[in-house]
Amino acid sequence: MLRALAGEALWPPPVWLMRQAGRYLPEFRAMRDKADFMTRCLTPDMAVELTLQPIRRYAMDGAILFSDILILPWALGQSLAFEEGRGPVLDPLRSAADLARLDPARVAEATEPVRETLRRLSRELPAATTLLGFAGSPFTVACYMVEGCGSREFGATREMALTDPELFGRLIALLTDSTAEMLIGQIDAGAEAVMLFDSWAGLLPPSQFRRHVIAPTRRIVERLRTARPGTRIIGFPRLAGVMAPAYARETGVDALACDTSADMAQIARMVPDTLVLQGNLDPFILKTGGETLRREARAIRDGLRGRPHVFNLGHGVMQDTPPEHVAALVEAVRDV
């Protein structure tokens, strides 16, 4: 996978899946019954085991750290809980006083369990398996911090960006700096590549996308390039649509992860040949399986032959996906 992320066109391409450690695996559900989500993220023994489960089953080419993008706001001092049936719940950040309560000096100590997980994984993973660290991108993390919970529209966040751009800009700047420092810590602990998840980038019109998605991502990439040269960086601007090529060109990421809606062949014609593409099978196709799964997976794989590509989904594995479908997918991608 590191060879592919460095721009080498491999056949067959390496494969890993977003949310490959998840509730579709019975061994994951057994661990879930033992502790709540935050405990699992912040207990290295548990986080290591959960990261390794899909590697044992499927020999994926990449192992992504078991954690969550909202570990950062929690580490900054914002309250965070995960409620069954509701998801993440935070005290909404709506004012300068709320922002002032956040403390970037807390992040390194608070995220030490995450780095310890990476150190252990770097020793336990097979040598051929690339260890991935990750973080949420500033805009997406800000969405949860301002809204206080998940949402389809994140109206309070987008309203703040428009009506109080100074305050929102300060929040984005804080998250940009803290994300870069957190990722440098992950790299130092053993992450061989890192991924930036901007799950809600597609909510923004082009002008706001450039300001709140492209610009902070570019600053993070520049910081990582300076501090830890050679580390490969994957960017995932989900639902970016026509802005995806601009994101790829202007942020400096090594790889563009494409969501389910993207036409990979079209994207390939719009970005440099040296840019790595990652993706982008529909998770619903993985869930339903059968000949459609095999046909669609191979169409994506074959369509990108000759250019650097990391096979993945366009979003995460769905929780009711049969594990045998994941095995069938990996076999389809690797069977040449």
C-alpha atoms as a PDB file:
ATOM      1  CA  MET A   1       0.000   0.000   0.000  1.00  0.00           C
ATOM      2  CA  LEU A   2       2.862   2.421   0.711  1.00  0.00           C
ATOM      3  CA  ARG A   3       4.182   1.786  -2.776  1.00  0.00           C
ATOM      4  CA  ALA A   4       0.788   2.656  -4.224  1.00  0.00           C
ATOM      5  CA  LEU A   5       0.539   5.793  -2.083  1.00  0.00           C
ATOM      6  CA  ALA A   6       3.969   6.795  -3.394  1.00  0.00           C
ATOM      7  CA  GLY A   7       2.506   6.775  -6.906  1.00  0.00           C
ATOM      8  CA  GLU A   8       3.267   3.267  -8.152  1.00  0.00           C
ATOM      9  CA  ALA A   9       0.582   1.611 -10.283  1.00  0.00           C
ATOM     10  CA  LEU A  10       0.285  -1.910  -8.879  1.00  0.00           C
ATOM     11  CA  TRP A  11      -1.719  -4.859 -10.165  1.00  0.00           C
ATOM     12  CA  PRO A  12      -3.843  -5.861  -8.441  1.00  0.00           C
ATOM     13  CA  PRO A  13      -4.192  -2.700  -6.371  1.00  0.00           C
ATOM     14  CA  PRO A  14      -3.924  -2.803  -2.580  1.00  0.00           C
ATOM     15  CA  VAL A  15      -7.212  -2.937  -0.708  1.00  0.00           C
ATOM     16  CA  TRP A  16      -8.552  -1.833   2.662  1.00  0.00           C
ATOM     17  CA  LEU A  17     -11.992  -0.572   3.732  1.00  0.00           C
ATOM     18  CA  MET A  18     -13.235   2.359   5.731  1.00  0.00           C
ATOM     19  CA  ARG A  19     -14.887   1.021   8.908  1.00  0.00           C
ATOM     20  CA  GLN A  20     -13.342  -2.375   8.265  1.00  0.00           C
ATOM     21  CA  ALA A  21     -13.208  -2.697  12.061  1.00  0.00           C
ATOM     22  CA  GLY A  22     -16.881  -2.460  12.893  1.00  0.00           C
ATOM     23  CA  ARG A  23     -20.177  -3.860  14.023  1.00  0.00           C
ATOM     24  CA  TYR A  24     -20.546  -6.221  11.055  1.00  0.00           C
ATOM     25  CA  LEU A  25     -17.904  -8.463  12.688  1.00  0.00           C
ATOM     26  CA  PRO A  26     -19.101 -10.761  15.506  1.00  0.00           C
ATOM     27  CA  GLU A  27     -15.760 -10.419  17.291  1.00  0.00           C
ATOM     28  CA  PHE A  28     -16.197  -6.629  17.235  1.00  0.00           C
ATOM     29  CA  ARG A  29     -19.669  -6.923  18.753  1.00  0.00           C
ATOM     30  CA  ALA A  30     -18.298  -9.152  21.508  1.00  0.00           C
ATOM     31  CA  MET A  31     -15.777  -6.457  22.402  1.00  0.00           C
ATOM     32  CA  ARG A  32     -18.453  -3.765  22.201  1.00  0.00           C
ATOM     33  CA  ASP A  33     -20.439  -5.514  24.914  1.00  0.00           C
ATOM     34  CA  LYS A  34     -17.490  -5.198  27.296  1.00  0.00           C
ATOM     35  CA  ALA A  35     -17.014  -1.420  27.249  1.00  0.00           C
ATOM     36  CA  ASP A  36     -18.476   1.818  25.892  1.00  0.00           C
ATOM     37  CA  PHE A  37     -17.134   3.424  22.745  1.00  0.00           C
ATOM     38  CA  MET A  38     -14.841   6.004  24.360  1.00  0.00           C
ATOM     39  CA  THR A  39     -13.332   3.342  26.610  1.00  0.00           C
ATOM     40  CA  ARG A  40     -12.593   1.179  23.590  1.00  0.00           C
ATOM     41  CA  CYS A  41     -10.962   4.102  21.762  1.00  0.00           C
ATOM     42  CA  LEU A  42      -8.809   5.092  24.736  1.00  0.00           C
ATOM     43  CA  THR A  43      -7.815   1.662  26.045  1.00  0.00           C
ATOM     44  CA  PRO A  44      -4.826   0.481  23.969  1.00  0.00           C
ATOM     45  CA  ASP A  45      -5.459  -3.228  24.578  1.00  0.00           C
ATOM     46  CA  MET A  46      -8.978  -2.882  23.164  1.00  0.00           C
ATOM     47  CA  ALA A  47      -8.128  -0.483  20.347  1.00  0.00           C
ATOM     48  CA  VAL A  48      -5.266  -2.714  19.187  1.00  0.00           C
ATOM     49  CA  GLU A  49      -7.495  -5.790  19.165  1.00  0.00           C
ATOM     50  CA  LEU A  50     -10.261  -4.028  17.242  1.00  0.00           C
ATOM     51  CA  THR A  51      -7.781  -2.710  14.661  1.00  0.00           C
ATOM     52  CA  LEU A  52      -6.309  -6.176  14.154  1.00  0.00           C
ATOM     53  CA  GLN A  53      -9.596  -8.098  13.776  1.00  0.00           C
ATOM     54  CA  PRO A  54     -10.164  -7.390  10.053  1.00  0.00           C
ATOM     55  CA  ILE A  55      -6.454  -7.898   9.341  1.00  0.00           C
ATOM     56  CA  ARG A  56      -6.651 -11.412  10.763  1.00  0.00           C
ATOM     57  CA  ARG A  57      -9.805 -12.202   8.780  1.00  0.00           C
ATOM     58  CA  TYR A  58      -9.004 -10.637   5.423  1.00  0.00           C
ATOM     59  CA  ALA A  59      -5.275  -9.739   5.364  1.00  0.00           C
ATOM     60  CA  MET A  60      -6.097  -6.193   4.306  1.00  0.00           C
ATOM     61  CA  ASP A  61      -3.216  -4.161   2.908  1.00  0.00           C
ATOM     62  CA  GLY A  62      -3.984  -1.297   5.287  1.00  0.00           C
ATOM     63  CA  ALA A  63      -4.899  -1.260   8.981  1.00  0.00           C
ATOM     64  CA  ILE A  64      -6.520   1.956  10.165  1.00  0.00           C
ATOM     65  CA  LEU A  65      -6.275   2.929  13.796  1.00  0.00           C
ATOM     66  CA  PHE A  66      -9.470   2.229  15.761  1.00  0.00           C
ATOM     67  CA  SER A  67     -10.429   5.649  17.088  1.00  0.00           C
ATOM     68  CA  ASP A  68     -12.811   8.501  16.245  1.00  0.00           C
ATOM     69  CA  ILE A  69     -12.561  11.951  14.677  1.00  0.00           C
ATOM     70  CA  LEU A  70     -14.163  13.490  17.789  1.00  0.00           C
ATOM     71  CA  ILE A  71     -11.295  12.467  20.042  1.00  0.00           C
ATOM     72  CA  LEU A  72      -9.765  15.847  19.166  1.00  0.00           C
ATOM     73  CA  PRO A  73     -12.564  18.099  20.505  1.00  0.00           C
ATOM     74  CA  TRP A  74     -12.701  15.885  23.586  1.00  0.00           C
ATOM     75  CA  ALA A  75      -8.941  16.300  23.994  1.00  0.00           C
ATOM     76  CA  LEU A  76      -9.346  20.064  23.631  1.00  0.00           C
ATOM     77  CA  GLY A  77     -11.765  20.036  26.567  1.00  0.00           C
ATOM     78  CA  GLN A  78     -15.218  19.832  24.992  1.00  0.00           C
ATOM     79  CA  SER A  79     -17.569  17.341  26.611  1.00  0.00           C
ATOM     80  CA  LEU A  80     -18.285  14.253  24.534  1.00  0.00           C
ATOM     81  CA  ALA A  81     -20.546  11.246  24.969  1.00  0.00           C
ATOM     82  CA  PHE A  82     -21.844   8.621  22.573  1.00  0.00           C
ATOM     83  CA  GLU A  83     -25.508   7.779  23.144  1.00  0.00           C
ATOM     84  CA  GLU A  84     -27.117   4.625  21.785  1.00  0.00           C
ATOM     85  CA  GLY A  85     -29.403   5.484  18.896  1.00  0.00           C
ATOM     86  CA  ARG A  86     -28.250   9.101  18.786  1.00  0.00           C
ATOM     87  CA  GLY A  87     -24.499   9.061  18.259  1.00  0.00           C
ATOM     88  CA  PRO A  88     -22.107  11.748  19.503  1.00  0.00           C
ATOM     89  CA  VAL A  89     -23.377  14.420  21.879  1.00  0.00           C
ATOM     90  CA  LEU A  90     -21.252  17.468  22.755  1.00  0.00           C
ATOM     91  CA  ASP A  91     -21.882  20.753  24.552  1.00  0.00           C
ATOM     92  CA  PRO A  92     -22.514  23.032  21.542  1.00  0.00           C
ATOM     93  CA  LEU A  93     -19.868  25.655  20.841  1.00  0.00           C
ATOM     94  CA  ARG A  94     -21.750  28.849  20.019  1.00  0.00           C
ATOM     95  CA  SER A  95     -19.718  31.769  21.420  1.00  0.00           C
ATOM     96  CA  ALA A  96     -16.251  33.209  21.900  1.00  0.00           C
ATOM     97  CA  ALA A  97     -16.471  32.160  25.548  1.00  0.00           C
ATOM     98  CA  ASP A  98     -17.125  28.557  24.499  1.00  0.00           C
ATOM     99  CA  LEU A  99     -14.099  28.688  22.203  1.00  0.00           C
ATOM    100  CA  ALA A 100     -11.924  30.188  24.923  1.00  0.00           C
ATOM    101  CA  ARG A 101     -12.571  27.168  27.148  1.00  0.00           C
ATOM    102  CA  LEU A 102     -10.759  24.901  24.701  1.00  0.00           C
ATOM    103  CA  ASP A 103      -7.099  24.279  25.496  1.00  0.00           C
ATOM    104  CA  PRO A 104      -4.746  22.954  22.805  1.00  0.00           C
ATOM    105  CA  ALA A 105      -2.128  22.314  25.474  1.00  0.00           C
ATOM    106  CA  ARG A 106      -4.268  19.391  26.699  1.00  0.00           C
ATOM    107  CA  VAL A 107      -4.209  17.472  23.417  1.00  0.00           C
ATOM    108  CA  ALA A 108      -0.858  15.701  23.620  1.00  0.00           C
ATOM    109  CA  GLU A 109      -1.465  14.244  27.077  1.00  0.00           C
ATOM    110  CA  ALA A 110      -5.121  13.397  26.412  1.00  0.00           C
ATOM    111  CA  THR A 111      -4.300  11.504  23.215  1.00  0.00           C
ATOM    112  CA  GLU A 112      -1.364   9.542  24.640  1.00  0.00           C
ATOM    113  CA  PRO A 113      -3.488   6.326  24.728  1.00  0.00           C
ATOM    114  CA  VAL A 114      -4.016   6.703  20.974  1.00  0.00           C
ATOM    115  CA  ARG A 115      -0.285   6.972  20.384  1.00  0.00           C
ATOM    116  CA  GLU A 116       0.327   3.950  22.598  1.00  0.00           C
ATOM    117  CA  THR A 117      -2.164   2.004  20.468  1.00  0.00           C
ATOM    118  CA  LEU A 118      -0.179   2.952  17.366  1.00  0.00           C
ATOM    119  CA  ARG A 119       3.118   1.961  18.961  1.00  0.00           C
ATOM    120  CA  ARG A 120       1.732  -1.474  19.788  1.00  0.00           C
ATOM    121  CA  LEU A 121       0.187  -1.893  16.354  1.00  0.00           C
ATOM    122  CA  SER A 122       3.465  -1.023  14.653  1.00  0.00           C
ATOM    123  CA  ARG A 123       4.995  -3.994  16.479  1.00  0.00           C
ATOM    124  CA  GLU A 124       2.112  -6.436  16.007  1.00  0.00           C
ATOM    125  CA  LEU A 125       1.013  -5.840  12.410  1.00  0.00           C
ATOM    126  CA  PRO A 126       2.487  -7.918   9.586  1.00  0.00           C
ATOM    127  CA  ALA A 127       5.337  -6.060   7.904  1.00  0.00           C
ATOM    128  CA  ALA A 128       3.411  -5.878   4.629  1.00  0.00           C
ATOM    129  CA  THR A 129       0.409  -4.132   6.231  1.00  0.00           C
ATOM    130  CA  THR A 130       0.458  -0.335   6.210  1.00  0.00           C
ATOM    131  CA  LEU A 131      -0.554   1.316   9.489  1.00  0.00           C
ATOM    132  CA  LEU A 132      -2.862   4.296   8.960  1.00  0.00           C
ATOM    133  CA  GLY A 133      -3.448   7.106  11.406  1.00  0.00           C
ATOM    134  CA  PHE A 134      -6.235   9.601  10.831  1.00  0.00           C
ATOM    135  CA  ALA A 135      -8.078  12.700  11.926  1.00  0.00           C
ATOM    136  CA  GLY A 136     -11.222  14.559  11.034  1.00  0.00           C
ATOM    137  CA  SER A 137     -10.651  17.598   8.869  1.00  0.00           C
ATOM    138  CA  PRO A 138     -11.306  20.960  10.546  1.00  0.00           C
ATOM    139  CA  PHE A 139     -14.635  21.729   8.866  1.00  0.00           C
ATOM    140  CA  THR A 140     -16.185  18.357   9.632  1.00  0.00           C
ATOM    141  CA  VAL A 141     -14.980  18.378  13.244  1.00  0.00           C
ATOM    142  CA  ALA A 142     -16.274  21.950  13.605  1.00  0.00           C
ATOM    143  CA  CYS A 143     -19.693  20.763  12.404  1.00  0.00           C
ATOM    144  CA  TYR A 144     -20.051  18.466  15.410  1.00  0.00           C
ATOM    145  CA  MET A 145     -18.524  20.958  17.831  1.00  0.00           C
ATOM    146  CA  VAL A 146     -20.881  23.788  16.885  1.00  0.00           C
ATOM    147  CA  GLU A 147     -23.993  21.674  16.349  1.00  0.00           C
ATOM    148  CA  GLY A 148     -23.433  19.543  19.444  1.00  0.00           C
ATOM    149  CA  CYS A 149     -24.580  16.377  17.680  1.00  0.00           C
ATOM    150  CA  GLY A 150     -24.883  14.749  14.295  1.00  0.00           C
ATOM    151  CA  SER A 151     -27.094  16.359  11.668  1.00  0.00           C
ATOM    152  CA  ARG A 152     -27.956  16.157   7.994  1.00  0.00           C
ATOM    153  CA  GLU A 153     -27.650  19.888   7.388  1.00  0.00           C
ATOM    154  CA  PHE A 154     -25.507  21.248  10.261  1.00  0.00           C
ATOM    155  CA  GLY A 155     -27.476  24.481  10.057  1.00  0.00           C
ATOM    156  CA  ALA A 156     -26.007  26.108  13.174  1.00  0.00           C
ATOM    157  CA  THR A 157     -22.490  25.492  11.882  1.00  0.00           C
ATOM    158  CA  ARG A 158     -23.133  26.917   8.438  1.00  0.00           C
ATOM    159  CA  GLU A 159     -24.968  29.888   9.932  1.00  0.00           C
ATOM    160  CA  MET A 160     -21.999  30.657  12.184  1.00  0.00           C
ATOM    161  CA  ALA A 161     -19.628  30.474   9.217  1.00  0.00           C
ATOM    162  CA  LEU A 162     -21.748  33.092   7.419  1.00  0.00           C
ATOM    163  CA  THR A 163     -22.876  35.377  10.249  1.00  0.00           C
ATOM    164  CA  ASP A 164     -19.808  35.253  12.496  1.00  0.00           C
ATOM    165  CA  PRO A 165     -16.922  34.426  10.166  1.00  0.00           C
ATOM    166  CA  GLU A 166     -14.361  35.750  12.640  1.00  0.00           C
ATOM    167  CA  LEU A 167     -15.399  33.306  15.361  1.00  0.00           C
ATOM    168  CA  PHE A 168     -15.763  30.412  12.936  1.00  0.00           C
ATOM    169  CA  GLY A 169     -12.397  31.232  11.408  1.00  0.00           C
ATOM    170  CA  ARG A 170     -10.777  31.128  14.839  1.00  0.00           C
ATOM    171  CA  LEU A 171     -12.311  27.703  15.475  1.00  0.00           C
ATOM    172  CA  ILE A 172     -11.071  26.402  12.112  1.00  0.00           C
ATOM    173  CA  ALA A 173      -7.596  27.812  12.821  1.00  0.00           C
ATOM    174  CA  LEU A 174      -7.495  26.126  16.236  1.00  0.00           C
ATOM    175  CA  LEU A 175      -8.575  22.816  14.723  1.00  0.00           C
ATOM    176  CA  THR A 176      -6.080  23.144  11.870  1.00  0.00           C
ATOM    177  CA  ASP A 177      -3.138  23.614  14.240  1.00  0.00           C
ATOM    178  CA  SER A 178      -4.305  20.950  16.694  1.00  0.00           C
ATOM    179  CA  THR A 179      -5.040  18.418  13.942  1.00  0.00           C
ATOM    180  CA  ALA A 180      -1.561  18.870  12.467  1.00  0.00           C
ATOM    181  CA  GLU A 181       0.087  18.409  15.860  1.00  0.00           C
ATOM    182  CA  MET A 182      -2.040  15.378  16.663  1.00  0.00           C
ATOM    183  CA  LEU A 183      -1.172  13.745  13.333  1.00  0.00           C
ATOM    184  CA  ILE A 184       2.533  14.437  13.836  1.00  0.00           C
ATOM    185  CA  GLY A 185       2.201  12.596  17.150  1.00  0.00           C
ATOM    186  CA  GLN A 186       0.495   9.684  15.389  1.00  0.00           C
ATOM    187  CA  ILE A 187       3.292   9.530  12.808  1.00  0.00           C
ATOM    188  CA  ASP A 188       5.936   9.560  15.522  1.00  0.00           C
ATOM    189  CA  ALA A 189       4.097   6.693  17.224  1.00  0.00           C
ATOM    190  CA  GLY A 190       4.183   4.512  14.117  1.00  0.00           C
ATOM    191  CA  ALA A 191       1.560   5.635  11.601  1.00  0.00           C
ATOM    192  CA  GLU A 192       3.039   5.143   8.123  1.00  0.00           C
ATOM    193  CA  ALA A 193       0.364   7.196   6.369  1.00  0.00           C
ATOM    194  CA  VAL A 194      -2.522   9.366   7.561  1.00  0.00           C
ATOM    195  CA  MET A 195      -6.005  10.108   6.286  1.00  0.00           C
ATOM    196  CA  LEU A 196      -8.075  13.274   6.676  1.00  0.00           C
ATOM    197  CA  PHE A 197     -11.824  12.666   6.791  1.00  0.00           C
ATOM    198  CA  ASP A 198     -13.938  15.630   5.654  1.00  0.00           C
ATOM    199  CA  SER A 199     -17.257  13.824   5.774  1.00  0.00           C
ATOM    200  CA  TRP A 200     -19.407  16.972   5.489  1.00  0.00           C
ATOM    201  CA  ALA A 201     -17.347  18.928   2.943  1.00  0.00           C
ATOM    202  CA  GLY A 202     -20.116  18.526   0.381  1.00  0.00           C
ATOM    203  CA  LEU A 203     -22.456  20.783   2.365  1.00  0.00           C
ATOM    204  CA  LEU A 204     -20.542  23.881   1.319  1.00  0.00           C
ATOM    205  CA  PRO A 205     -20.818  26.008  -1.848  1.00  0.00           C
ATOM    206  CA  PRO A 206     -17.554  26.508  -3.771  1.00  0.00           C
ATOM    207  CA  SER A 207     -16.444  29.745  -2.092  1.00  0.00           C
ATOM    208  CA  GLN A 208     -16.964  28.318   1.395  1.00  0.00           C
ATOM    209  CA  PHE A 209     -15.475  24.993   0.312  1.00  0.00           C
ATOM    210  CA  ARG A 210     -12.257  26.723  -0.695  1.00  0.00           C
ATOM    211  CA  ARG A 211     -12.127  28.662   2.556  1.00  0.00           C
ATOM    212  CA  HIS A 212     -13.099  25.990   5.072  1.00  0.00           C
ATOM    213  CA  VAL A 213     -12.084  22.745   3.348  1.00  0.00           C
ATOM    214  CA  ILE A 214      -9.252  23.358   0.873  1.00  0.00           C
ATOM    215  CA  ALA A 215      -7.350  26.067   2.755  1.00  0.00           C
ATOM    216  CA  PRO A 216      -7.118  24.343   6.172  1.00  0.00           C
ATOM    217  CA  THR A 217      -6.341  21.006   4.552  1.00  0.00           C
ATOM    218  CA  ARG A 218      -3.513  22.645   2.610  1.00  0.00           C
ATOM    219  CA  ARG A 219      -2.108  24.107   5.844  1.00  0.00           C
ATOM    220  CA  ILE A 220      -2.209  20.708   7.549  1.00  0.00           C
ATOM    221  CA  VAL A 221      -0.494  19.057   4.575  1.00  0.00           C
ATOM    222  CA  GLU A 222       2.203  21.739   4.547  1.00  0.00           C
ATOM    223  CA  ARG A 223       2.812  21.275   8.276  1.00  0.00           C
ATOM    224  CA  LEU A 224       3.144  17.518   7.882  1.00  0.00           C
ATOM    225  CA  ARG A 225       5.399  17.853   4.840  1.00  0.00           C
ATOM    226  CA  THR A 226       7.711  20.144   6.809  1.00  0.00           C
ATOM    227  CA  ALA A 227       7.670  18.230  10.080  1.00  0.00           C
ATOM    228  CA  ARG A 228       7.612  14.651   8.778  1.00  0.00           C
ATOM    229  CA  PRO A 229       8.691  14.596   5.133  1.00  0.00           C
ATOM    230  CA  GLY A 230       7.746  11.497   3.192  1.00  0.00           C
ATOM    231  CA  THR A 231       4.587  10.683   5.129  1.00  0.00           C
ATOM    232  CA  ARG A 232       1.766   9.878   2.712  1.00  0.00           C
ATOM    233  CA  ILE A 233      -1.484  11.775   3.157  1.00  0.00           C
ATOM    234  CA  ILE A 234      -4.945  10.696   1.945  1.00  0.00           C
ATOM    235  CA  GLY A 235      -7.728  13.282   1.748  1.00  0.00           C
ATOM    236  CA  PHE A 236     -11.416  12.364   1.740  1.00  0.00           C
ATOM    237  CA  PRO A 237     -13.657  15.350   0.870  1.00  0.00           C
ATOM    238  CA  ARG A 238     -16.896  13.409   0.886  1.00  0.00           C
ATOM    239  CA  LEU A 239     -19.566  14.572  -1.580  1.00  0.00           C
ATOM    240  CA  ALA A 240     -17.236  17.287  -2.902  1.00  0.00           C
ATOM    241  CA  GLY A 241     -18.594  16.724  -6.406  1.00  0.00           C
ATOM    242  CA  VAL A 242     -17.086  19.106  -8.958  1.00  0.00           C
ATOM    243  CA  MET A 243     -14.793  20.528  -6.261  1.00  0.00           C
ATOM    244  CA  ALA A 244     -12.941  17.236  -5.787  1.00  0.00           C
ATOM    245  CA  PRO A 245     -10.330  17.897  -8.503  1.00  0.00           C
ATOM    246  CA  ALA A 246      -9.623  21.363  -7.076  1.00  0.00           C
ATOM    247  CA  TYR A 247      -9.230  19.795  -3.635  1.00  0.00           C
ATOM    248  CA  ALA A 248      -6.767  17.268  -5.057  1.00  0.00           C
ATOM    249  CA  ARG A 249      -4.713  19.896  -6.909  1.00  0.00           C
ATOM    250  CA  GLU A 250      -4.691  22.614  -4.269  1.00  0.00           C
ATOM    251  CA  THR A 251      -4.308  20.770  -0.963  1.00  0.00           C
ATOM    252  CA  GLY A 252      -1.218  18.766  -1.903  1.00  0.00           C
ATOM    253  CA  VAL A 253      -2.557  15.425  -0.667  1.00  0.00           C
ATOM    254  CA  ASP A 254      -0.915  12.304  -2.108  1.00  0.00           C
ATOM    255  CA  ALA A 255      -4.211  10.472  -2.581  1.00  0.00           C
ATOM    256  CA  LEU A 256      -7.793  11.523  -3.225  1.00  0.00           C
ATOM    257  CA  ALA A 257     -10.357   9.218  -1.619  1.00  0.00           C
ATOM    258  CA  CYS A 258     -13.521   9.284  -3.722  1.00  0.00           C
ATOM    259  CA  ASP A 259     -17.005   8.850  -2.311  1.00  0.00           C
ATOM    260  CA  THR A 260     -19.703   6.608  -3.732  1.00  0.00           C
ATOM    261  CA  SER A 261     -21.158   9.322  -5.967  1.00  0.00           C
ATOM    262  CA  ALA A 262     -17.894   9.995  -7.824  1.00  0.00           C
ATOM    263  CA  ASP A 263     -17.228   8.710 -11.323  1.00  0.00           C
ATOM    264  CA  MET A 264     -13.689   7.443 -10.827  1.00  0.00           C
ATOM    265  CA  ALA A 265     -12.899   7.343 -14.555  1.00  0.00           C
ATOM    266  CA  GLN A 266     -13.989  10.958 -14.925  1.00  0.00           C
ATOM    267  CA  ILE A 267     -12.035  12.042 -11.852  1.00  0.00           C
ATOM    268  CA  ALA A 268      -8.962  10.275 -13.259  1.00  0.00           C
ATOM    269  CA  ARG A 269      -9.152  12.438 -16.386  1.00  0.00           C
ATOM    270  CA  MET A 270      -9.352  15.633 -14.319  1.00  0.00           C
ATOM    271  CA  VAL A 271      -6.397  15.154 -11.984  1.00  0.00           C
ATOM    272  CA  PRO A 272      -2.667  14.545 -12.556  1.00  0.00           C
ATOM    273  CA  ASP A 273      -1.653  11.002 -13.491  1.00  0.00           C
ATOM    274  CA  THR A 274       0.614  10.951 -10.440  1.00  0.00           C
ATOM    275  CA  LEU A 275      -2.262  11.497  -8.017  1.00  0.00           C
ATOM    276  CA  VAL A 276      -3.324   8.319  -6.243  1.00  0.00           C
ATOM    277  CA  LEU A 277      -7.050   7.579  -6.296  1.00  0.00           C
ATOM    278  CA  GLN A 278      -8.744   5.645  -3.511  1.00  0.00           C
ATOM    279  CA  GLY A 279     -12.206   4.106  -3.629  1.00  0.00           C
ATOM    280  CA  ASN A 280     -15.004   3.832  -4.353  1.00  0.00           C
ATOM    281  CA  LEU A 281     -17.394   0.848  -4.246  1.00  0.00           C
ATOM    282  CA  ASP A 282     -20.884   1.573  -2.912  1.00  0.00           C
ATOM    283  CA  PRO A 283     -21.218   0.048   0.599  1.00  0.00           C
ATOM    284  CA  PHE A 284     -24.752  -1.063  -0.336  1.00  0.00           C
ATOM    285  CA  ILE A 285     -23.304  -3.208  -3.108  1.00  0.00           C
ATOM    286  CA  LEU A 286     -20.964  -4.764  -0.571  1.00  0.00           C
ATOM    287  CA  LYS A 287     -23.904  -5.381   1.739  1.00  0.00           C
ATOM    288  CA  THR A 288     -26.014  -7.109  -0.929  1.00  0.00           C
ATOM    289  CA  GLY A 289     -23.124  -9.148  -2.362  1.00  0.00           C
ATOM    290  CA  GLY A 290     -23.485 -11.694  -5.156  1.00  0.00           C
ATOM    291  CA  GLU A 291     -22.424 -11.303  -8.754  1.00  0.00           C
ATOM    292  CA  THR A 292     -23.178  -7.563  -8.669  1.00  0.00           C
ATOM    293  CA  LEU A 293     -20.517  -7.136  -6.008  1.00  0.00           C
ATOM    294  CA  ARG A 294     -17.934  -8.991  -8.044  1.00  0.00           C
ATOM    295  CA  ARG A 295     -18.833  -7.185 -11.274  1.00  0.00           C
ATOM    296  CA  GLU A 296     -18.863  -3.671  -9.787  1.00  0.00           C
ATOM    297  CA  ALA A 297     -15.662  -4.186  -7.804  1.00  0.00           C
ATOM    298  CA  ARG A 298     -13.827  -5.415 -10.868  1.00  0.00           C
ATOM    299  CA  ALA A 299     -15.177  -2.571 -13.003  1.00  0.00           C
ATOM    300  CA  ILE A 300     -13.668  -0.048 -10.596  1.00  0.00           C
ATOM    301  CA  ARG A 301     -10.422  -1.986 -10.332  1.00  0.00           C
ATOM    302  CA  ASP A 302     -10.044  -2.585 -14.063  1.00  0.00           C
ATOM    303  CA  GLY A 303     -11.031   0.964 -14.984  1.00  0.00           C
ATOM    304  CA  LEU A 304      -8.077   2.359 -13.068  1.00  0.00           C
ATOM    305  CA  ARG A 305      -5.492  -0.148 -14.219  1.00  0.00           C
ATOM    306  CA  GLY A 306      -2.241   1.556 -15.092  1.00  0.00           C
ATOM    307  CA  ARG A 307      -2.500   4.380 -12.579  1.00  0.00           C
ATOM    308  CA  PRO A 308      -1.891   4.412  -8.810  1.00  0.00           C
ATOM    309  CA  HIS A 309      -5.037   3.177  -7.051  1.00  0.00           C
ATOM    310  CA  VAL A 310      -5.965   1.935  -3.593  1.00  0.00           C
ATOM    311  CA  PHE A 311      -9.208  -0.023  -3.671  1.00  0.00           C
ATOM    312  CA  ASN A 312     -11.731   0.972  -1.007  1.00  0.00           C
ATOM    313  CA  LEU A 313     -15.384   1.817  -0.517  1.00  0.00           C
ATOM    314  CA  GLY A 314     -16.979   5.194  -1.140  1.00  0.00           C
ATOM    315  CA  HIS A 315     -17.976   5.285   2.531  1.00  0.00           C
ATOM    316  CA  GLY A 316     -17.718   2.930   5.497  1.00  0.00           C
ATOM    317  CA  VAL A 317     -18.768  -0.722   5.772  1.00  0.00           C
ATOM    318  CA  MET A 318     -22.421  -0.881   6.846  1.00  0.00           C
ATOM    319  CA  GLN A 319     -23.099  -2.570  10.160  1.00  0.00           C
ATOM    320  CA  ASP A 320     -25.401  -5.242   8.706  1.00  0.00           C
ATOM    321  CA  THR A 321     -22.945  -6.310   5.998  1.00  0.00           C
ATOM    322  CA  PRO A 322     -22.321 -10.093   6.049  1.00  0.00           C
ATOM    323  CA  PRO A 323     -18.622 -10.720   6.814  1.00  0.00           C
ATOM    324  CA  GLU A 324     -18.457 -13.235   3.968  1.00  0.00           C
ATOM    325  CA  HIS A 325     -19.259 -10.423   1.531  1.00  0.00           C
ATOM    326  CA  VAL A 326     -16.119  -8.593   2.634  1.00  0.00           C
ATOM    327  CA  ALA A 327     -14.129 -11.771   2.016  1.00  0.00           C
ATOM    328  CA  ALA A 328     -15.690 -12.051  -1.439  1.00  0.00           C
ATOM    329  CA  LEU A 329     -14.802  -8.444  -2.215  1.00  0.00           C
ATOM    330  CA  VAL A 330     -11.174  -8.874  -1.249  1.00  0.00           C
ATOM    331  CA  GLU A 331     -10.996 -12.028  -3.360  1.00  0.00           C
ATOM    332  CA  ALA A 332     -12.559 -10.237  -6.358  1.00  0.00           C
ATOM    333  CA  VAL A 333     -10.075  -7.376  -6.151  1.00  0.00           C
ATOM    334  CA  ARG A 334      -7.054  -9.663  -5.798  1.00  0.00           C
ATOM    335  CA  ASP A 335      -8.075 -12.346  -8.295  1.00  0.00           C
ATOM    336  CA  VAL A 336      -6.337 -11.546 -11.553  1.00  0.00           C
END
